């Protein structure tokens, strides 16, 4: 859902308009949250201890991904992005 809101250009790294509406009103990273929920759900669905290392590594990678993106977003959108960060949590 989040990818549809911000568009293909923005999700591909092309500078576009900063989107702060829709799910982005509640979280700066709704796509990562959804992906984390999917991984956790798959871990529960498969009910196997063998899948949990993959789930843990995947969730950790998704949790850290915004830390790599945020400097670029700050550079691209400046004060507008910093204000958005001050008003909206990274995850929930």
PDB file of N, CA and C in Angstrom:
ATOM      1  N   UNK A   1       0.825  -1.195   0.000  1.00  0.00           N
ATOM      2  CA  UNK A   1       0.000   0.000   0.000  1.00  0.00           C
ATOM      3  C   UNK A   1       0.865   1.254   0.000  1.00  0.00           C
ATOM      4  N   UNK A   2       1.882   1.279   0.848  1.00  0.00           N
ATOM      5  CA  UNK A   2       2.751   2.445   0.936  1.00  0.00           C
ATOM      6  C   UNK A   2       3.459   2.741  -0.375  1.00  0.00           C
ATOM      7  N   UNK A   3       3.886   1.692  -1.087  1.00  0.00           N
ATOM      8  CA  UNK A   3       4.580   1.886  -2.362  1.00  0.00           C
ATOM      9  C   UNK A   3       3.652   2.518  -3.391  1.00  0.00           C
ATOM     10  N   UNK A   4       2.369   2.181  -3.346  1.00  0.00           N
ATOM     11  CA  UNK A   4       1.418   2.774  -4.283  1.00  0.00           C
ATOM     12  C   UNK A   4       1.199   4.250  -3.977  1.00  0.00           C
ATOM     13  N   UNK A   5       1.233   4.606  -2.704  1.00  0.00           N
ATOM     14  CA  UNK A   5       1.004   5.997  -2.317  1.00  0.00           C
ATOM     15  C   UNK A   5       2.152   6.885  -2.766  1.00  0.00           C
ATOM     16  N   UNK A   6       3.384   6.449  -2.516  1.00  0.00           N
ATOM     17  CA  UNK A   6       4.506   7.321  -2.855  1.00  0.00           C
ATOM     18  C   UNK A   6       4.945   7.188  -4.310  1.00  0.00           C
ATOM     19  N   UNK A   7       4.547   6.151  -4.986  1.00  0.00           N
ATOM     20  CA  UNK A   7       4.821   6.009  -6.404  1.00  0.00           C
ATOM     21  C   UNK A   7       6.119   5.284  -6.698  1.00  0.00           C
ATOM     22  N   UNK A   8       6.224   4.779  -7.914  1.00  0.00           N
ATOM     23  CA  UNK A   8       7.374   3.993  -8.335  1.00  0.00           C
ATOM     24  C   UNK A   8       8.646   4.826  -8.379  1.00  0.00           C
ATOM     25  N   UNK A   9       8.537   6.083  -8.838  1.00  0.00           N
ATOM     26  CA  UNK A   9       9.732   6.925  -8.917  1.00  0.00           C
ATOM     27  C   UNK A   9      10.373   7.088  -7.545  1.00  0.00           C
ATOM     28  N   UNK A  10       9.568   7.434  -6.544  1.00  0.00           N
ATOM     29  CA  UNK A  10      10.113   7.684  -5.208  1.00  0.00           C
ATOM     30  C   UNK A  10      10.669   6.412  -4.578  1.00  0.00           C
ATOM     31  N   UNK A  11      10.023   5.280  -4.801  1.00  0.00           N
ATOM     32  CA  UNK A  11      10.532   4.032  -4.223  1.00  0.00           C
ATOM     33  C   UNK A  11      11.782   3.548  -4.947  1.00  0.00           C
ATOM     34  N   UNK A  12      12.070   4.108  -6.111  1.00  0.00           N
ATOM     35  CA  UNK A  12      13.267   3.744  -6.866  1.00  0.00           C
ATOM     36  C   UNK A  12      14.431   4.686  -6.591  1.00  0.00           C
ATOM     37  N   UNK A  13      14.240   5.668  -5.716  1.00  0.00           N
ATOM     38  CA  UNK A  13      15.319   6.574  -5.348  1.00  0.00           C
ATOM     39  C   UNK A  13      15.350   7.864  -6.131  1.00  0.00           C
ATOM     40  N   UNK A  14      14.374   8.094  -6.999  1.00  0.00           N
ATOM     41  CA  UNK A  14      14.306   9.347  -7.737  1.00  0.00           C
ATOM     42  C   UNK A  14      13.619  10.379  -6.855  1.00  0.00           C
ATOM     43  N   UNK A  15      14.185  11.561  -6.802  1.00  0.00           N
ATOM     44  CA  UNK A  15      13.587  12.595  -5.965  1.00  0.00           C
ATOM     45  C   UNK A  15      12.209  12.951  -6.510  1.00  0.00           C
ATOM     46  N   UNK A  16      11.258  12.967  -5.621  1.00  0.00           N
ATOM     47  CA  UNK A  16       9.878  13.287  -5.958  1.00  0.00           C
ATOM     48  C   UNK A  16       9.321  14.071  -4.778  1.00  0.00           C
ATOM     49  N   UNK A  17       8.039  14.229  -4.720  1.00  0.00           N
ATOM     50  CA  UNK A  17       7.401  14.945  -3.619  1.00  0.00           C
ATOM     51  C   UNK A  17       7.473  14.113  -2.339  1.00  0.00           C
ATOM     52  N   UNK A  18       7.717  14.778  -1.202  1.00  0.00           N
ATOM     53  CA  UNK A  18       7.711  14.099   0.089  1.00  0.00           C
ATOM     54  C   UNK A  18       6.268  13.792   0.465  1.00  0.00           C
ATOM     55  N   UNK A  19       5.952  12.527   0.637  1.00  0.00           N
ATOM     56  CA  UNK A  19       4.596  12.108   0.967  1.00  0.00           C
ATOM     57  C   UNK A  19       4.479  11.961   2.478  1.00  0.00           C
ATOM     58  N   UNK A  20       3.504  12.655   3.053  1.00  0.00           N
ATOM     59  CA  UNK A  20       3.273  12.582   4.500  1.00  0.00           C
ATOM     60  C   UNK A  20       1.815  12.272   4.812  1.00  0.00           C
ATOM     61  N   UNK A  21       1.073  11.836   3.813  1.00  0.00           N
ATOM     62  CA  UNK A  21      -0.340  11.526   4.019  1.00  0.00           C
ATOM     63  C   UNK A  21      -0.549  10.019   3.995  1.00  0.00           C
ATOM     64  N   UNK A  22      -1.789   9.598   4.158  1.00  0.00           N
ATOM     65  CA  UNK A  22      -2.101   8.170   4.164  1.00  0.00           C
ATOM     66  C   UNK A  22      -1.446   7.491   5.357  1.00  0.00           C
ATOM     67  N   UNK A  23      -0.888   6.329   5.132  1.00  0.00           N
ATOM     68  CA  UNK A  23      -0.218   5.598   6.201  1.00  0.00           C
ATOM     69  C   UNK A  23       0.988   6.357   6.732  1.00  0.00           C
ATOM     70  N   UNK A  24       1.546   7.243   5.914  1.00  0.00           N
ATOM     71  CA  UNK A  24       2.720   8.010   6.316  1.00  0.00           C
ATOM     72  C   UNK A  24       2.390   9.073   7.366  1.00  0.00           C
ATOM     73  N   UNK A  25       1.132   9.271   7.671  1.00  0.00           N
ATOM     74  CA  UNK A  25       0.751  10.153   8.791  1.00  0.00           C
ATOM     75  C   UNK A  25       1.075   9.503  10.119  1.00  0.00           C
ATOM     76  N   UNK A  26       1.077   8.168  10.159  1.00  0.00           N
ATOM     77  CA  UNK A  26       1.261   7.420  11.403  1.00  0.00           C
ATOM     78  C   UNK A  26       2.670   6.856  11.552  1.00  0.00           C
ATOM     79  N   UNK A  27       3.332   6.613  10.447  1.00  0.00           N
ATOM     80  CA  UNK A  27       4.649   5.982  10.457  1.00  0.00           C
ATOM     81  C   UNK A  27       5.454   6.494   9.268  1.00  0.00           C
ATOM     82  N   UNK A  28       6.738   6.758   9.495  1.00  0.00           N
ATOM     83  CA  UNK A  28       7.594   7.167   8.381  1.00  0.00           C
ATOM     84  C   UNK A  28       7.970   5.968   7.515  1.00  0.00           C
ATOM     85  N   UNK A  29       7.735   4.757   8.005  1.00  0.00           N
ATOM     86  CA  UNK A  29       8.156   3.549   7.289  1.00  0.00           C
ATOM     87  C   UNK A  29       7.086   2.458   7.289  1.00  0.00           C
ATOM     88  N   UNK A  30       5.904   2.735   6.781  1.00  0.00           N
ATOM     89  CA  UNK A  30       4.859   1.704   6.817  1.00  0.00           C
ATOM     90  C   UNK A  30       5.199   0.480   5.972  1.00  0.00           C
ATOM     91  N   UNK A  31       5.986   0.658   4.908  1.00  0.00           N
ATOM     92  CA  UNK A  31       6.354  -0.493   4.082  1.00  0.00           C
ATOM     93  C   UNK A  31       7.221  -1.468   4.876  1.00  0.00           C
ATOM     94  N   UNK A  32       8.186  -0.938   5.609  1.00  0.00           N
ATOM     95  CA  UNK A  32       9.047  -1.806   6.406  1.00  0.00           C
ATOM     96  C   UNK A  32       8.244  -2.490   7.514  1.00  0.00           C
ATOM     97  N   UNK A  33       7.322  -1.767   8.122  1.00  0.00           N
ATOM     98  CA  UNK A  33       6.474  -2.378   9.149  1.00  0.00           C
ATOM     99  C   UNK A  33       5.674  -3.542   8.588  1.00  0.00           C
ATOM    100  N   UNK A  34       5.101  -3.342   7.414  1.00  0.00           N
ATOM    101  CA  UNK A  34       4.310  -4.405   6.789  1.00  0.00           C
ATOM    102  C   UNK A  34       5.191  -5.610   6.463  1.00  0.00           C
ATOM    103  N   UNK A  35       6.387  -5.345   5.949  1.00  0.00           N
ATOM    104  CA  UNK A  35       7.295  -6.450   5.637  1.00  0.00           C
ATOM    105  C   UNK A  35       7.707  -7.208   6.898  1.00  0.00           C
ATOM    106  N   UNK A  36       7.945  -6.480   7.997  1.00  0.00           N
ATOM    107  CA  UNK A  36       8.270  -7.133   9.270  1.00  0.00           C
ATOM    108  C   UNK A  36       7.111  -8.013   9.732  1.00  0.00           C
ATOM    109  N   UNK A  37       5.896  -7.491   9.607  1.00  0.00           N
ATOM    110  CA  UNK A  37       4.716  -8.266  10.011  1.00  0.00           C
ATOM    111  C   UNK A  37       4.572  -9.520   9.158  1.00  0.00           C
ATOM    112  N   UNK A  38       4.858  -9.405   7.867  1.00  0.00           N
ATOM    113  CA  UNK A  38       4.796 -10.574   6.985  1.00  0.00           C
ATOM    114  C   UNK A  38       5.806 -11.628   7.420  1.00  0.00           C
ATOM    115  N   UNK A  39       7.031 -11.206   7.693  1.00  0.00           N
ATOM    116  CA  UNK A  39       8.054 -12.167   8.128  1.00  0.00           C
ATOM    117  C   UNK A  39       7.662 -12.856   9.431  1.00  0.00           C
ATOM    118  N   UNK A  40       7.196 -12.080  10.382  1.00  0.00           N
ATOM    119  CA  UNK A  40       6.777 -12.659  11.661  1.00  0.00           C
ATOM    120  C   UNK A  40       5.599 -13.607  11.446  1.00  0.00           C
ATOM    121  N   UNK A  41       4.669 -13.204  10.597  1.00  0.00           N
ATOM    122  CA  UNK A  41       3.530 -14.070  10.279  1.00  0.00           C
ATOM    123  C   UNK A  41       3.961 -15.373   9.638  1.00  0.00           C
ATOM    124  N   UNK A  42       4.927 -15.310   8.745  1.00  0.00           N
ATOM    125  CA  UNK A  42       5.434 -16.535   8.129  1.00  0.00           C
ATOM    126  C   UNK A  42       6.113 -17.427   9.165  1.00  0.00           C
ATOM    127  N   UNK A  43       6.837 -16.800  10.086  1.00  0.00           N
ATOM    128  CA  UNK A  43       7.456 -17.573  11.160  1.00  0.00           C
ATOM    129  C   UNK A  43       6.422 -18.312  11.987  1.00  0.00           C
ATOM    130  N   UNK A  44       5.328 -17.630  12.286  1.00  0.00           N
ATOM    131  CA  UNK A  44       4.247 -18.263  13.053  1.00  0.00           C
ATOM    132  C   UNK A  44       3.523 -19.316  12.220  1.00  0.00           C
ATOM    133  N   UNK A  45       3.325 -19.027  10.948  1.00  0.00           N
ATOM    134  CA  UNK A  45       2.614 -19.950  10.069  1.00  0.00           C
ATOM    135  C   UNK A  45       3.372 -21.268   9.902  1.00  0.00           C
ATOM    136  N   UNK A  46       4.672 -21.164   9.698  1.00  0.00           N
ATOM    137  CA  UNK A  46       5.460 -22.381   9.497  1.00  0.00           C
ATOM    138  C   UNK A  46       5.720 -23.123  10.799  1.00  0.00           C
ATOM    139  N   UNK A  47       5.625 -22.437  11.919  1.00  0.00           N
ATOM    140  CA  UNK A  47       5.760 -23.069  13.243  1.00  0.00           C
ATOM    141  C   UNK A  47       6.973 -23.985  13.328  1.00  0.00           C
ATOM    142  N   UNK A  48       8.085 -23.508  12.797  1.00  0.00           N
ATOM    143  CA  UNK A  48       9.310 -24.303  12.817  1.00  0.00           C
ATOM    144  C   UNK A  48      10.442 -23.458  13.369  1.00  0.00           C
ATOM    145  N   UNK A  49      11.232 -24.015  14.257  1.00  0.00           N
ATOM    146  CA  UNK A  49      12.365 -23.246  14.774  1.00  0.00           C
ATOM    147  C   UNK A  49      13.399 -22.933  13.691  1.00  0.00           C
ATOM    148  N   UNK A  50      13.385 -23.673  12.589  1.00  0.00           N
ATOM    149  CA  UNK A  50      14.345 -23.443  11.515  1.00  0.00           C
ATOM    150  C   UNK A  50      14.083 -22.143  10.759  1.00  0.00           C
ATOM    151  N   UNK A  51      12.871 -21.664  10.788  1.00  0.00           N
ATOM    152  CA  UNK A  51      12.544 -20.445  10.048  1.00  0.00           C
ATOM    153  C   UNK A  51      12.864 -19.182  10.855  1.00  0.00           C
ATOM    154  N   UNK A  52      12.947 -19.306  12.167  1.00  0.00           N
ATOM    155  CA  UNK A  52      13.128 -18.119  13.008  1.00  0.00           C
ATOM    156  C   UNK A  52      14.450 -17.382  12.820  1.00  0.00           C
ATOM    157  N   UNK A  53      15.562 -18.047  12.527  1.00  0.00           N
ATOM    158  CA  UNK A  53      16.773 -17.262  12.233  1.00  0.00           C
ATOM    159  C   UNK A  53      16.598 -16.348  11.020  1.00  0.00           C
ATOM    160  N   UNK A  54      15.898 -16.848  10.004  1.00  0.00           N
ATOM    161  CA  UNK A  54      15.625 -16.028   8.819  1.00  0.00           C
ATOM    162  C   UNK A  54      14.721 -14.859   9.191  1.00  0.00           C
ATOM    163  N   UNK A  55      13.697 -15.124   9.985  1.00  0.00           N
ATOM    164  CA  UNK A  55      12.778 -14.068  10.418  1.00  0.00           C
ATOM    165  C   UNK A  55      13.538 -13.008  11.209  1.00  0.00           C
ATOM    166  N   UNK A  56      14.373 -13.434  12.135  1.00  0.00           N
ATOM    167  CA  UNK A  56      15.101 -12.489  12.984  1.00  0.00           C
ATOM    168  C   UNK A  56      16.053 -11.626  12.163  1.00  0.00           C
ATOM    169  N   UNK A  57      16.792 -12.243  11.269  1.00  0.00           N
ATOM    170  CA  UNK A  57      17.718 -11.482  10.417  1.00  0.00           C
ATOM    171  C   UNK A  57      16.935 -10.533   9.505  1.00  0.00           C
ATOM    172  N   UNK A  58      15.843 -11.010   8.944  1.00  0.00           N
ATOM    173  CA  UNK A  58      15.025 -10.164   8.064  1.00  0.00           C
ATOM    174  C   UNK A  58      14.437  -8.977   8.786  1.00  0.00           C
ATOM    175  N   UNK A  59      13.889  -9.207   9.963  1.00  0.00           N
ATOM    176  CA  UNK A  59      13.299  -8.109  10.743  1.00  0.00           C
ATOM    177  C   UNK A  59      14.385  -7.119  11.151  1.00  0.00           C
ATOM    178  N   UNK A  60      15.543  -7.622  11.545  1.00  0.00           N
ATOM    179  CA  UNK A  60      16.643  -6.731  11.927  1.00  0.00           C
ATOM    180  C   UNK A  60      17.084  -5.872  10.741  1.00  0.00           C
ATOM    181  N   UNK A  61      17.203  -6.474   9.560  1.00  0.00           N
ATOM    182  CA  UNK A  61      17.596  -5.722   8.365  1.00  0.00           C
ATOM    183  C   UNK A  61      16.560  -4.659   8.027  1.00  0.00           C
ATOM    184  N   UNK A  62      15.290  -5.008   8.128  1.00  0.00           N
ATOM    185  CA  UNK A  62      14.227  -4.043   7.845  1.00  0.00           C
ATOM    186  C   UNK A  62      14.182  -2.928   8.890  1.00  0.00           C
ATOM    187  N   UNK A  63      14.501  -3.265  10.128  1.00  0.00           N
ATOM    188  CA  UNK A  63      14.516  -2.251  11.186  1.00  0.00           C
ATOM    189  C   UNK A  63      15.670  -1.275  10.997  1.00  0.00           C
ATOM    190  N   UNK A  64      16.774  -1.741  10.437  1.00  0.00           N
ATOM    191  CA  UNK A  64      17.945  -0.886  10.238  1.00  0.00           C
ATOM    192  C   UNK A  64      17.914  -0.111   8.916  1.00  0.00           C
ATOM    193  N   UNK A  65      17.149  -0.566   7.951  1.00  0.00           N
ATOM    194  CA  UNK A  65      17.108   0.063   6.626  1.00  0.00           C
ATOM    195  C   UNK A  65      16.797   1.559   6.671  1.00  0.00           C
ATOM    196  N   UNK A  66      15.841   2.011   7.487  1.00  0.00           N
ATOM    197  CA  UNK A  66      15.569   3.447   7.509  1.00  0.00           C
ATOM    198  C   UNK A  66      16.766   4.289   7.957  1.00  0.00           C
ATOM    199  N   UNK A  67      17.649   3.717   8.760  1.00  0.00           N
ATOM    200  CA  UNK A  67      18.823   4.459   9.200  1.00  0.00           C
ATOM    201  C   UNK A  67      19.745   4.787   8.030  1.00  0.00           C
ATOM    202  N   UNK A  68      19.734   3.949   7.007  1.00  0.00           N
ATOM    203  CA  UNK A  68      20.516   4.216   5.802  1.00  0.00           C
ATOM    204  C   UNK A  68      19.813   5.212   4.886  1.00  0.00           C
ATOM    205  N   UNK A  69      18.488   5.219   4.888  1.00  0.00           N
ATOM    206  CA  UNK A  69      17.714   6.099   4.008  1.00  0.00           C
ATOM    207  C   UNK A  69      17.590   7.524   4.532  1.00  0.00           C
ATOM    208  N   UNK A  70      17.504   7.662   5.840  1.00  0.00           N
ATOM    209  CA  UNK A  70      17.175   8.967   6.412  1.00  0.00           C
ATOM    210  C   UNK A  70      18.172  10.073   6.088  1.00  0.00           C
ATOM    211  N   UNK A  71      19.484   9.822   6.053  1.00  0.00           N
ATOM    212  CA  UNK A  71      20.390  10.908   5.660  1.00  0.00           C
ATOM    213  C   UNK A  71      20.112  11.417   4.241  1.00  0.00           C
ATOM    214  N   UNK A  72      19.816  10.501   3.322  1.00  0.00           N
ATOM    215  CA  UNK A  72      19.497  10.907   1.956  1.00  0.00           C
ATOM    216  C   UNK A  72      18.205  11.726   1.922  1.00  0.00           C
ATOM    217  N   UNK A  73      17.193  11.266   2.654  1.00  0.00           N
ATOM    218  CA  UNK A  73      15.923  11.999   2.693  1.00  0.00           C
ATOM    219  C   UNK A  73      16.112  13.388   3.287  1.00  0.00           C
ATOM    220  N   UNK A  74      16.926  13.476   4.310  1.00  0.00           N
ATOM    221  CA  UNK A  74      17.202  14.763   4.938  1.00  0.00           C
ATOM    222  C   UNK A  74      17.913  15.692   3.956  1.00  0.00           C
ATOM    223  N   UNK A  75      18.841  15.134   3.195  1.00  0.00           N
ATOM    224  CA  UNK A  75      19.555  15.921   2.193  1.00  0.00           C
ATOM    225  C   UNK A  75      18.618  16.384   1.072  1.00  0.00           C
ATOM    226  N   UNK A  76      17.714  15.502   0.654  1.00  0.00           N
ATOM    227  CA  UNK A  76      16.813  15.816  -0.453  1.00  0.00           C
ATOM    228  C   UNK A  76      15.717  16.810  -0.074  1.00  0.00           C
ATOM    229  N   UNK A  77      15.146  16.642   1.123  1.00  0.00           N
ATOM    230  CA  UNK A  77      13.964  17.411   1.495  1.00  0.00           C
ATOM    231  C   UNK A  77      14.208  18.425   2.604  1.00  0.00           C
ATOM    232  N   UNK A  78      15.389  18.403   3.211  1.00  0.00           N
ATOM    233  CA  UNK A  78      15.792  19.414   4.176  1.00  0.00           C
ATOM    234  C   UNK A  78      14.849  19.598   5.348  1.00  0.00           C
ATOM    235  N   UNK A  79      14.480  20.852   5.580  1.00  0.00           N
ATOM    236  CA  UNK A  79      13.658  21.220   6.733  1.00  0.00           C
ATOM    237  C   UNK A  79      12.305  20.522   6.716  1.00  0.00           C
ATOM    238  N   UNK A  80      11.738  20.357   5.540  1.00  0.00           N
ATOM    239  CA  UNK A  80      10.438  19.691   5.441  1.00  0.00           C
ATOM    240  C   UNK A  80      10.518  18.269   6.003  1.00  0.00           C
ATOM    241  N   UNK A  81      11.592  17.554   5.685  1.00  0.00           N
ATOM    242  CA  UNK A  81      11.744  16.195   6.193  1.00  0.00           C
ATOM    243  C   UNK A  81      12.051  16.198   7.686  1.00  0.00           C
ATOM    244  N   UNK A  82      12.897  17.110   8.144  1.00  0.00           N
ATOM    245  CA  UNK A  82      13.206  17.190   9.574  1.00  0.00           C
ATOM    246  C   UNK A  82      11.953  17.487  10.390  1.00  0.00           C
ATOM    247  N   UNK A  83      11.101  18.371   9.893  1.00  0.00           N
ATOM    248  CA  UNK A  83       9.833  18.656  10.582  1.00  0.00           C
ATOM    249  C   UNK A  83       8.937  17.423  10.607  1.00  0.00           C
ATOM    250  N   UNK A  84       8.899  16.705   9.501  1.00  0.00           N
ATOM    251  CA  UNK A  84       8.115  15.477   9.420  1.00  0.00           C
ATOM    252  C   UNK A  84       8.638  14.458  10.434  1.00  0.00           C
ATOM    253  N   UNK A  85       9.945  14.328  10.548  1.00  0.00           N
ATOM    254  CA  UNK A  85      10.542  13.408  11.527  1.00  0.00           C
ATOM    255  C   UNK A  85      10.175  13.796  12.952  1.00  0.00           C
ATOM    256  N   UNK A  86      10.117  15.077  13.216  1.00  0.00           N
ATOM    257  CA  UNK A  86       9.781  15.542  14.557  1.00  0.00           C
ATOM    258  C   UNK A  86       8.325  15.233  14.908  1.00  0.00           C
ATOM    259  N   UNK A  87       7.467  15.151  13.906  1.00  0.00           N
ATOM    260  CA  UNK A  87       6.033  14.949  14.130  1.00  0.00           C
ATOM    261  C   UNK A  87       5.590  13.492  13.999  1.00  0.00           C
ATOM    262  N   UNK A  88       6.366  12.674  13.303  1.00  0.00           N
ATOM    263  CA  UNK A  88       5.945  11.313  12.974  1.00  0.00           C
ATOM    264  C   UNK A  88       7.005  10.316  13.411  1.00  0.00           C
ATOM    265  N   UNK A  89       6.576   9.274  14.092  1.00  0.00           N
ATOM    266  CA  UNK A  89       7.525   8.251  14.567  1.00  0.00           C
ATOM    267  C   UNK A  89       8.077   7.443  13.396  1.00  0.00           C
ATOM    268  N   UNK A  90       9.231   6.865  13.639  1.00  0.00           N
ATOM    269  CA  UNK A  90       9.877   6.055  12.590  1.00  0.00           C
ATOM    270  C   UNK A  90       9.036   4.825  12.252  1.00  0.00           C
ATOM    271  N   UNK A  91       8.518   4.162  13.269  1.00  0.00           N
ATOM    272  CA  UNK A  91       7.731   2.945  13.022  1.00  0.00           C
ATOM    273  C   UNK A  91       6.274   3.126  13.452  1.00  0.00           C
ATOM    274  N   UNK A  92       6.003   3.144  14.740  1.00  0.00           N
ATOM    275  CA  UNK A  92       4.615   3.334  15.212  1.00  0.00           C
ATOM    276  C   UNK A  92       4.559   4.394  16.276  1.00  0.00           C
TER     277      UNK A  92
END
